[in-house]
Amino acid sequence: MTALDRALSDGGRWVAARAPEGFDAWLLADAARGQAGRPLLHIARDDARMARLAEALAFFAPDVRVIRVPAWDCLPYDRVSPHRDIAAERIDSLTRLAGEPLPETGCVVLTTVNAALQRVPPPDKLTARVRGIELGERLEPDELTRLFAAQGYVRADTVGEAGEFAVRGGIVDVFPPGRAEPLRLDFFGDELETIRTFDPLSQRTTGELAEFTLKPVNEVMLDETTIQRFREGYREHFGRPAKDDSLYLAISEGRPHAGMEHWLPLFYETLATVFDYLPAHTPATLDRQAEDHRDQRLDTIHEFYEARRTVNRGGELTSGTYNPLPPEQLYLTAEAWDSVLDDGRAAISLSPFAAPSQAPHILDAGGRPGHEFAAARKKGEEGEPYVTLRTTIREDQKAGRRVAIAGYT
């Protein structure tokens, strides 16, 4: 059992020293394999860091499942919705965590500080919208179109992005979340005769399926219940809406509205977080400076909220008025973040630096950077980097170490 495994078993807050970037992916993969069917949650600083970790995990541990939960790609209190691909990936990952068994070979759930702070629909609300469809099933075309609309899909002439569908007689194209390619459903009457994957550019068939899973593509799902709850909540928070309030009018009519996700709490009785989609006390690891990024994000959220409120003060409510919900309804507070991480789980912050001597709650992960030969290059002598490289390799080989050489080109 490694020092990291012991900390994950003991629980509480820890710092894992000597865990530089790159080596940390190997550590996470090794720890995930030892979780016996439980996932390991890692909170990255940002999307770029999450992407690098996903690549490194695929290199070190192709047998370990990686599930990414990205944050919205729009600003707090924005007037636009998150990009459809981002929304689809989020829902695909959340529904997999809520409703699918995890592999025994290990699972790392990668998310970011921004995504971990953000509140999401409760697990049961999303999983209730997941529907399996298989060959031979009977579906009326109108029923299928209503089903797509209820799941948040957008009708298009041709399908090219997740969340789109197209109908051409007895052929229906749809691009569900979690799939690399769209699907072509061929009906004979109202019976589903074939399910084929196809390339959206060439339109050529690439494979056949016996069944597939249809998932929602938006965290806001418009039905009679959610629309009524939104209308009541909107009036309760902001008073009587203006006659030309475009958001209120669109939702009341059951039509999606750009940026409606920023009023997510009004569509549900309660909201959850990424942590609620994981088993109780799931261990978490955090990037270095992740909690500094948390504080910066919360400051940004409050700045945007106050800016929206300031514009509204003393002004007449019109269609252009933005009525913001309080930040704590949409995001975790710093206190709520600490409460979640301290609730019986291990929470380990990764650090590339060496551990201070005799410091409590610090473990030594054992990583160190490799040779980079920057000093040899600075000497300017012809062939010097290669002389130093040869000497270093011979010394490592004499010490019984195996040598790997890595370069940019």
Protein backbone atom coordinates (compact mmCIF):
# COMPACT_ATOMS: atom_id res chain seq x y z
CA MET A 1 0.00 0.00 0.00
CA THR A 2 1.43 3.38 -1.04
CA ALA A 3 1.38 6.54 1.09
CA LEU A 4 -1.41 7.87 -1.14
CA ASP A 5 -3.48 4.70 -0.65
CA ARG A 6 -3.13 5.01 3.13
CA ALA A 7 -4.29 8.62 3.06
CA LEU A 8 -7.27 7.69 0.88
CA SER A 9 -8.14 4.97 3.37
CA ASP A 10 -7.68 7.10 6.50
CA GLY A 11 -9.67 10.10 5.24
CA GLY A 12 -9.25 13.75 6.16
CA ARG A 13 -7.26 16.55 4.54
CA TRP A 14 -3.76 15.78 3.23
CA VAL A 15 -1.06 17.26 1.02
CA ALA A 16 0.75 14.89 -1.35
CA ALA A 17 4.24 16.35 -1.83
CA ARG A 18 6.53 15.55 -4.76
CA ALA A 19 3.63 14.96 -7.17
CA PRO A 20 4.59 17.05 -10.22
CA GLU A 21 2.37 17.34 -13.29
CA GLY A 22 2.63 14.21 -15.41
CA PHE A 23 3.56 12.01 -12.48
CA ASP A 24 0.28 12.97 -10.82
CA ALA A 25 -1.64 11.15 -13.57
CA TRP A 26 0.26 7.95 -12.78
CA LEU A 27 -0.57 8.44 -9.10
CA LEU A 28 -4.28 8.94 -9.81
CA ALA A 29 -4.47 5.87 -12.04
CA ASP A 30 -2.71 3.72 -9.44
CA ALA A 31 -4.98 5.01 -6.66
CA ALA A 32 -8.14 4.50 -8.76
CA ARG A 33 -7.27 0.83 -9.34
CA GLY A 34 -7.20 0.33 -5.57
CA GLN A 35 -10.65 1.79 -4.94
CA ALA A 36 -12.50 -1.54 -5.45
CA GLY A 37 -15.29 -0.29 -7.68
CA ARG A 38 -15.45 3.22 -6.18
CA PRO A 39 -14.50 6.23 -8.29
CA LEU A 40 -11.76 8.69 -7.47
CA LEU A 41 -12.68 12.34 -7.98
CA HIS A 42 -10.01 14.77 -9.14
CA ILE A 43 -10.65 18.54 -9.21
CA ALA A 44 -8.40 20.29 -11.74
CA ARG A 45 -7.67 24.01 -11.74
CA ASP A 46 -9.19 24.61 -15.18
CA ASP A 47 -10.23 22.99 -18.46
CA ALA A 48 -6.72 22.97 -19.94
CA ARG A 49 -5.36 21.13 -16.92
CA MET A 50 -8.25 18.64 -17.06
CA ALA A 51 -7.52 17.94 -20.74
CA ARG A 52 -3.81 17.30 -20.05
CA LEU A 53 -4.67 14.94 -17.21
CA ALA A 54 -7.13 13.02 -19.39
CA GLU A 55 -4.43 12.51 -22.03
CA ALA A 56 -1.86 11.41 -19.45
CA LEU A 57 -4.30 8.99 -17.82
CA ALA A 58 -5.05 7.43 -21.22
CA PHE A 59 -1.29 6.91 -21.67
CA PHE A 60 -0.51 5.50 -18.22
CA ALA A 61 -3.72 3.54 -17.64
CA PRO A 62 -5.88 2.76 -20.69
CA ASP A 63 -7.77 0.25 -18.52
CA VAL A 64 -8.95 2.97 -16.09
CA ARG A 65 -12.18 4.68 -17.12
CA VAL A 66 -12.01 8.47 -17.25
CA ILE A 67 -15.27 10.43 -16.95
CA ARG A 68 -14.98 14.18 -17.52
CA VAL A 69 -17.43 16.72 -16.11
CA PRO A 70 -16.53 20.10 -17.63
CA ALA A 71 -17.90 23.46 -16.50
CA TRP A 72 -20.10 25.68 -18.63
CA ASP A 73 -18.08 27.67 -21.16
CA CYS A 74 -19.98 30.90 -20.52
CA LEU A 75 -19.56 33.62 -17.90
CA PRO A 76 -21.59 33.74 -14.67
CA TYR A 77 -24.93 35.51 -15.22
CA ASP A 78 -24.41 35.46 -18.97
CA ARG A 79 -27.07 36.01 -21.64
CA VAL A 80 -25.94 32.97 -23.62
CA SER A 81 -26.27 29.25 -22.94
CA PRO A 82 -23.31 26.87 -22.65
CA HIS A 83 -22.18 25.39 -25.96
CA ARG A 84 -24.24 22.39 -27.00
CA ASP A 85 -21.20 20.06 -27.00
CA ILE A 86 -20.29 21.10 -23.45
CA ALA A 87 -23.87 20.62 -22.25
CA ALA A 88 -24.05 17.19 -23.93
CA GLU A 89 -20.78 16.01 -22.37
CA ARG A 90 -21.86 17.18 -18.92
CA ILE A 91 -25.18 15.34 -19.10
CA ASP A 92 -23.62 12.21 -20.58
CA SER A 93 -21.08 12.09 -17.74
CA LEU A 94 -23.59 12.85 -14.98
CA THR A 95 -26.09 10.23 -16.18
CA ARG A 96 -23.30 7.65 -16.43
CA LEU A 97 -22.25 8.39 -12.85
CA ALA A 98 -25.84 8.25 -11.60
CA GLY A 99 -27.05 5.17 -13.44
CA GLU A 100 -24.23 2.96 -14.71
CA PRO A 101 -22.03 0.49 -12.77
CA LEU A 102 -18.40 1.47 -12.46
CA PRO A 103 -15.61 -0.83 -13.74
CA GLU A 104 -13.54 -2.86 -11.31
CA THR A 105 -10.41 -1.73 -13.16
CA GLY A 106 -10.82 1.75 -11.69
CA CYS A 107 -12.53 5.03 -12.54
CA VAL A 108 -11.25 8.61 -12.32
CA VAL A 109 -13.85 11.38 -12.47
CA LEU A 110 -12.16 14.51 -13.79
CA THR A 111 -13.77 17.87 -13.17
CA THR A 112 -12.68 21.46 -12.61
CA VAL A 113 -12.98 23.99 -9.81
CA ASN A 114 -15.63 25.87 -11.79
CA ALA A 115 -17.68 22.72 -12.41
CA ALA A 116 -17.40 21.51 -8.81
CA LEU A 117 -18.71 24.87 -7.56
CA GLN A 118 -21.69 24.82 -9.90
CA ARG A 119 -25.04 23.41 -8.84
CA VAL A 120 -26.70 20.88 -11.18
CA PRO A 121 -30.07 19.12 -11.51
CA PRO A 122 -30.69 16.30 -8.99
CA PRO A 123 -29.57 12.84 -10.18
CA ASP A 124 -33.11 11.41 -10.22
CA LYS A 125 -34.35 14.19 -12.52
CA LEU A 126 -31.71 13.45 -15.14
CA THR A 127 -31.87 9.65 -14.98
CA ALA A 128 -35.67 9.77 -15.28
CA ARG A 129 -35.17 11.29 -18.74
CA VAL A 130 -32.81 8.56 -19.98
CA ARG A 131 -34.57 6.19 -22.38
CA GLY A 132 -33.37 3.05 -24.12
CA ILE A 133 -34.50 2.49 -27.73
CA GLU A 134 -33.98 -0.84 -29.53
CA LEU A 135 -34.65 -2.51 -32.87
CA GLY A 136 -38.23 -3.60 -33.46
CA GLU A 137 -39.64 -0.96 -31.13
CA ARG A 138 -42.78 0.80 -32.33
CA LEU A 139 -42.72 4.58 -32.24
CA GLU A 140 -45.05 6.98 -33.97
CA PRO A 141 -43.12 9.74 -35.80
CA ASP A 142 -45.00 12.45 -33.88
CA GLU A 143 -44.25 10.66 -30.61
CA LEU A 144 -40.54 10.54 -31.46
CA THR A 145 -40.48 14.23 -32.36
CA ARG A 146 -42.17 15.12 -29.06
CA LEU A 147 -39.66 12.93 -27.22
CA PHE A 148 -36.72 14.76 -28.84
CA ALA A 149 -38.25 18.14 -28.03
CA ALA A 150 -38.82 17.16 -24.40
CA GLN A 151 -35.17 16.08 -24.16
CA GLY A 152 -33.97 19.45 -25.45
CA TYR A 153 -32.93 18.38 -28.97
CA VAL A 154 -32.99 20.97 -31.76
CA ARG A 155 -34.43 20.21 -35.18
CA ALA A 156 -32.02 20.77 -38.08
CA ASP A 157 -31.86 20.12 -41.82
CA THR A 158 -28.80 17.90 -41.37
CA VAL A 159 -27.35 16.55 -38.14
CA GLY A 160 -23.79 17.58 -37.31
CA GLU A 161 -23.62 18.33 -33.57
CA ALA A 162 -24.73 16.62 -30.38
CA GLY A 163 -28.32 17.55 -29.53
CA GLU A 164 -29.61 17.82 -33.11
CA PHE A 165 -32.18 15.71 -34.97
CA ALA A 166 -33.62 15.67 -38.48
CA VAL A 167 -36.68 13.93 -39.94
CA ARG A 168 -36.98 12.91 -43.58
CA GLY A 169 -39.99 10.69 -44.09
CA GLY A 170 -39.28 7.32 -42.50
CA ILE A 171 -35.64 8.19 -41.71
CA VAL A 172 -34.73 10.03 -38.51
CA ASP A 173 -31.19 11.24 -37.77
CA VAL A 174 -30.26 12.06 -34.17
CA PHE A 175 -27.01 12.84 -32.31
CA PRO A 176 -27.35 11.75 -28.64
CA PRO A 177 -24.82 12.80 -25.96
CA GLY A 178 -22.00 10.34 -25.37
CA ARG A 179 -21.78 9.10 -28.94
CA ALA A 180 -18.87 9.82 -31.27
CA GLU A 181 -21.14 9.79 -34.33
CA PRO A 182 -24.82 10.50 -35.01
CA LEU A 183 -27.39 7.76 -35.55
CA ARG A 184 -29.71 7.09 -38.47
CA LEU A 185 -33.01 5.43 -37.52
CA ASP A 186 -34.83 3.76 -40.40
CA PHE A 187 -38.53 3.05 -39.84
CA PHE A 188 -40.88 0.72 -41.66
CA GLY A 189 -44.19 2.29 -40.79
CA ASP A 190 -43.87 2.90 -37.05
CA GLU A 191 -41.43 0.00 -36.45
CA LEU A 192 -37.72 0.76 -35.96
CA GLU A 193 -36.05 -1.41 -38.60
CA THR A 194 -32.36 -0.40 -38.46
CA ILE A 195 -30.05 1.74 -36.29
CA ARG A 196 -26.90 2.86 -38.08
CA THR A 197 -24.02 5.14 -37.15
CA PHE A 198 -22.84 7.49 -39.89
CA ASP A 199 -20.23 10.10 -40.71
CA PRO A 200 -21.96 13.53 -40.63
CA LEU A 201 -19.65 14.90 -43.34
CA SER A 202 -19.82 12.11 -45.92
CA GLN A 203 -23.20 10.74 -44.74
CA ARG A 204 -21.76 7.24 -45.16
CA THR A 205 -22.78 4.45 -42.81
CA THR A 206 -20.01 3.40 -40.40
CA GLY A 207 -21.74 0.68 -38.35
CA GLU A 208 -24.96 -0.85 -37.06
CA LEU A 209 -26.45 -1.09 -33.57
CA ALA A 210 -29.15 -3.18 -31.93
CA GLU A 211 -30.04 -0.45 -29.42
CA PHE A 212 -28.98 2.94 -28.09
CA THR A 213 -29.63 5.22 -25.14
CA LEU A 214 -31.35 8.55 -25.65
CA LYS A 215 -30.29 11.15 -23.07
CA PRO A 216 -31.36 14.75 -22.55
CA VAL A 217 -29.10 17.44 -23.96
CA ASN A 218 -29.93 20.33 -21.65
CA GLU A 219 -29.94 20.71 -17.87
CA VAL A 220 -33.18 22.65 -18.24
CA MET A 221 -35.97 20.35 -19.40
CA LEU A 222 -39.21 22.10 -20.24
CA ASP A 223 -42.42 20.32 -19.30
CA GLU A 224 -45.60 21.39 -17.54
CA THR A 225 -44.09 20.92 -14.07
CA THR A 226 -40.82 22.78 -14.67
CA ILE A 227 -42.54 25.60 -16.57
CA GLN A 228 -45.04 26.15 -13.77
CA ARG A 229 -42.31 26.04 -11.14
CA PHE A 230 -40.24 28.57 -13.10
CA ARG A 231 -43.19 30.98 -13.46
CA GLU A 232 -43.97 30.85 -9.74
CA GLY A 233 -40.34 31.18 -8.70
CA TYR A 234 -39.64 34.03 -11.11
CA ARG A 235 -42.57 36.07 -9.79
CA GLU A 236 -41.63 35.26 -6.20
CA HIS A 237 -38.03 36.46 -6.65
CA PHE A 238 -38.50 39.42 -8.97
CA GLY A 239 -42.14 40.45 -8.72
CA ARG A 240 -44.50 40.83 -11.62
CA PRO A 241 -42.53 40.47 -14.88
CA ALA A 242 -42.60 43.14 -17.56
CA LYS A 243 -45.06 42.53 -20.37
CA ASP A 244 -42.19 42.12 -22.82
CA ASP A 245 -39.89 40.03 -20.56
CA SER A 246 -38.58 37.69 -23.28
CA LEU A 247 -37.26 35.05 -20.86
CA TYR A 248 -40.51 34.78 -18.92
CA LEU A 249 -42.62 34.74 -22.09
CA ALA A 250 -40.50 32.09 -23.83
CA ILE A 251 -40.45 29.70 -20.88
CA SER A 252 -44.17 30.23 -20.27
CA GLU A 253 -44.79 29.11 -23.86
CA GLY A 254 -42.48 26.11 -23.51
CA ARG A 255 -39.80 27.56 -25.81
CA PRO A 256 -36.07 27.43 -25.00
CA HIS A 257 -34.48 30.83 -24.39
CA ALA A 258 -30.81 31.77 -24.73
CA GLY A 259 -29.17 31.77 -21.31
CA MET A 260 -32.10 30.17 -19.48
CA GLU A 261 -29.66 27.83 -17.70
CA HIS A 262 -28.59 30.75 -15.49
CA TRP A 263 -32.01 30.50 -13.78
CA LEU A 264 -31.62 26.73 -13.19
CA PRO A 265 -32.80 26.83 -9.52
CA LEU A 266 -36.24 28.03 -10.62
CA PHE A 267 -36.88 24.84 -12.61
CA TYR A 268 -36.29 22.36 -9.76
CA GLU A 269 -37.32 22.05 -6.12
CA THR A 270 -33.69 21.52 -5.13
CA LEU A 271 -30.34 21.33 -6.89
CA ALA A 272 -27.39 19.01 -6.41
CA THR A 273 -23.62 19.17 -7.07
CA VAL A 274 -21.14 16.88 -8.81
CA PHE A 275 -20.42 15.33 -5.39
CA ASP A 276 -24.04 14.12 -5.15
CA TYR A 277 -23.55 11.99 -8.28
CA LEU A 278 -20.83 9.97 -6.55
CA PRO A 279 -21.03 7.38 -3.75
CA ALA A 280 -20.90 8.83 -0.23
CA HIS A 281 -17.43 9.81 0.97
CA THR A 282 -15.84 9.35 -2.46
CA PRO A 283 -12.18 10.38 -2.04
CA ALA A 284 -11.07 13.53 -3.83
CA THR A 285 -7.73 14.84 -5.01
CA LEU A 286 -7.13 18.46 -5.94
CA ASP A 287 -4.66 20.25 -8.18
CA ARG A 288 -2.10 22.49 -6.57
CA GLN A 289 -3.68 25.91 -5.92
CA ALA A 290 -7.16 24.55 -6.66
CA GLU A 291 -8.61 26.31 -3.63
CA ASP A 292 -6.95 29.59 -4.63
CA HIS A 293 -8.74 29.23 -7.96
CA ARG A 294 -11.96 28.53 -6.02
CA ASP A 295 -11.65 31.84 -4.18
CA GLN A 296 -10.91 33.71 -7.42
CA ARG A 297 -13.94 32.10 -9.09
CA LEU A 298 -16.24 33.03 -6.22
CA ASP A 299 -14.98 36.62 -6.35
CA THR A 300 -15.72 36.72 -10.09
CA ILE A 301 -19.22 35.32 -9.54
CA HIS A 302 -20.03 37.97 -6.94
CA GLU A 303 -18.64 40.74 -9.16
CA PHE A 304 -20.89 39.71 -12.05
CA TYR A 305 -23.88 39.38 -9.70
CA GLU A 306 -23.37 42.84 -8.25
CA ALA A 307 -22.91 44.30 -11.73
CA ARG A 308 -26.29 42.88 -12.79
CA ARG A 309 -27.98 44.13 -9.61
CA THR A 310 -26.46 47.63 -9.97
CA VAL A 311 -27.85 48.00 -13.49
CA ASN A 312 -31.34 47.11 -12.24
CA ARG A 313 -31.43 49.50 -9.27
CA GLY A 314 -33.84 52.34 -9.80
CA GLY A 315 -34.58 51.37 -13.37
CA GLU A 316 -37.80 50.36 -15.04
CA LEU A 317 -38.12 46.63 -15.73
CA THR A 318 -38.11 46.02 -19.49
CA SER A 319 -37.44 43.12 -21.84
CA GLY A 320 -33.71 43.85 -21.58
CA THR A 321 -33.66 43.71 -17.77
CA TYR A 322 -31.54 40.92 -16.34
CA ASN A 323 -32.88 39.61 -13.02
CA PRO A 324 -30.01 37.65 -11.38
CA LEU A 325 -30.51 34.97 -8.75
CA PRO A 326 -28.31 35.15 -5.62
CA PRO A 327 -24.95 33.35 -6.12
CA GLU A 328 -25.57 30.81 -3.35
CA GLN A 329 -28.54 29.44 -5.30
CA LEU A 330 -26.38 28.68 -8.34
CA TYR A 331 -22.99 27.95 -6.77
CA LEU A 332 -21.44 26.48 -3.64
CA THR A 333 -20.13 28.99 -1.14
CA ALA A 334 -16.62 28.60 0.28
CA GLU A 335 -18.16 27.25 3.48
CA ALA A 336 -20.28 24.71 1.56
CA TRP A 337 -17.19 23.63 -0.41
CA ASP A 338 -15.25 23.01 2.81
CA SER A 339 -18.21 21.16 4.32
CA VAL A 340 -18.44 18.79 1.33
CA LEU A 341 -14.71 18.02 1.32
CA ASP A 342 -14.60 17.54 5.11
CA ASP A 343 -17.66 15.27 5.20
CA GLY A 344 -15.92 11.98 5.97
CA ARG A 345 -13.92 11.77 2.76
CA ALA A 346 -10.19 11.90 2.03
CA ALA A 347 -9.26 15.18 0.32
CA ILE A 348 -5.67 15.27 -0.92
CA SER A 349 -4.06 18.34 -2.47
CA LEU A 350 -1.24 17.51 -4.90
CA SER A 351 1.98 19.54 -4.78
CA PRO A 352 5.14 19.32 -6.92
CA PHE A 353 7.34 20.47 -4.05
CA ALA A 354 9.23 18.41 -1.49
CA ALA A 355 7.57 17.77 1.87
CA PRO A 356 8.68 19.85 4.88
CA SER A 357 10.33 17.70 7.50
CA GLN A 358 8.09 16.44 10.32
CA ALA A 359 5.00 18.26 8.93
CA PRO A 360 1.65 16.65 9.86
CA HIS A 361 -0.83 15.42 7.26
CA ILE A 362 1.77 15.50 4.48
CA LEU A 363 2.73 12.42 2.51
CA ASP A 364 5.61 11.94 0.10
CA ALA A 365 4.39 10.77 -3.31
CA GLY A 366 7.99 10.14 -4.41
CA GLY A 367 8.03 11.92 -7.76
CA ARG A 368 10.78 14.17 -9.04
CA PRO A 369 11.45 15.95 -12.35
CA GLY A 370 13.73 14.32 -14.88
CA HIS A 371 16.97 15.77 -16.29
CA GLU A 372 16.38 18.68 -18.64
CA PHE A 373 19.97 19.80 -19.48
CA ALA A 374 19.16 23.52 -19.49
CA ALA A 375 22.45 24.36 -17.78
CA ALA A 376 24.45 22.42 -20.38
CA ARG A 377 22.76 24.29 -23.22
CA LYS A 378 23.57 27.66 -21.63
CA LYS A 379 27.33 26.93 -21.64
CA GLY A 380 27.35 27.48 -25.40
CA GLU A 381 30.16 24.98 -26.06
CA GLU A 382 29.75 22.90 -29.19
CA GLY A 383 28.32 19.48 -28.41
CA GLU A 384 28.09 20.21 -24.67
CA PRO A 385 24.44 19.11 -24.18
CA TYR A 386 25.22 15.75 -25.78
CA VAL A 387 28.34 15.21 -23.68
CA THR A 388 26.30 15.87 -20.55
CA LEU A 389 23.52 13.61 -21.83
CA ARG A 390 25.97 10.74 -22.44
CA THR A 391 27.54 11.15 -19.00
CA THR A 392 24.12 11.24 -17.30
CA ILE A 393 22.92 8.10 -19.10
CA ARG A 394 26.09 6.17 -18.14
CA GLU A 395 25.77 7.24 -14.50
CA ASP A 396 22.09 6.18 -14.38
CA GLN A 397 22.87 2.83 -15.99
CA LYS A 398 25.70 2.18 -13.53
CA ALA A 399 23.23 2.89 -10.70
CA GLY A 400 20.86 0.24 -12.10
CA ARG A 401 18.24 2.66 -13.37
CA ARG A 402 16.44 2.31 -16.70
CA VAL A 403 16.64 5.36 -18.95
CA ALA A 404 13.91 6.89 -21.11
CA ILE A 405 14.68 9.85 -23.39
CA ALA A 406 11.88 12.29 -24.25
CA GLY A 407 12.05 15.28 -26.59
CA TYR A 408 9.72 17.73 -28.31
CA THR A 409 10.88 16.70 -31.81
